[in-house]
Amino acid sequence: MAKLGINSKIINQLEAKSQLPKTRSKKMRDYKNYTVWQESHQLTLIAYQLTKSFPKEELFGITSQLRRATSSVPTNIAEGCGRESDADFRRFLIMAHGSATEVEYLIFLSAELNYVSKSEFDEFTEKVIVLRKQLRKLIDKLK
């Protein structure tokens, strides 16, 4: 710490006087332990694979939108896990649910534009519906 110009003696004094922030004593949620996060992460990986074959002119259109919306689901779950209260965690789960609904529409649009096959659409949509149900169940549990 001396290289930064911070005297270790001052640091020790501040720590002793409890003037430095302490780490949280509450047990933190680990987002990786939530099945809903694991499933949403897998869905994101699938979305990236599917969109690789989308037309290049869609790179900044539906390709980007589908990727961002899909990755938003596990991102919101992870961020919610980093919050201290159940109410905050629930709020981020609600945002994740909204993003999952957006994903459901975007894959529908992709199918309508013939960017994905019927079987890809069906399989992906089924995963999104299962994910939305899992999110809804967890949201309701936190009421």
Foldseek 3Di string as FASTA:
>chain_A
DVVVVDDVVVVVVCVVVVVDDDDDPDDFDDLVPDPLLVLLVVLLVVLLVLLVQADPVCVVPLSVLLNVLSVLLSVLQRVLSVDDDLVSNLVSLVVSLVSLVVNLVSLVVCVVVVSDDPVSNVVSNVSSVVSSVSSVVSSVVSD
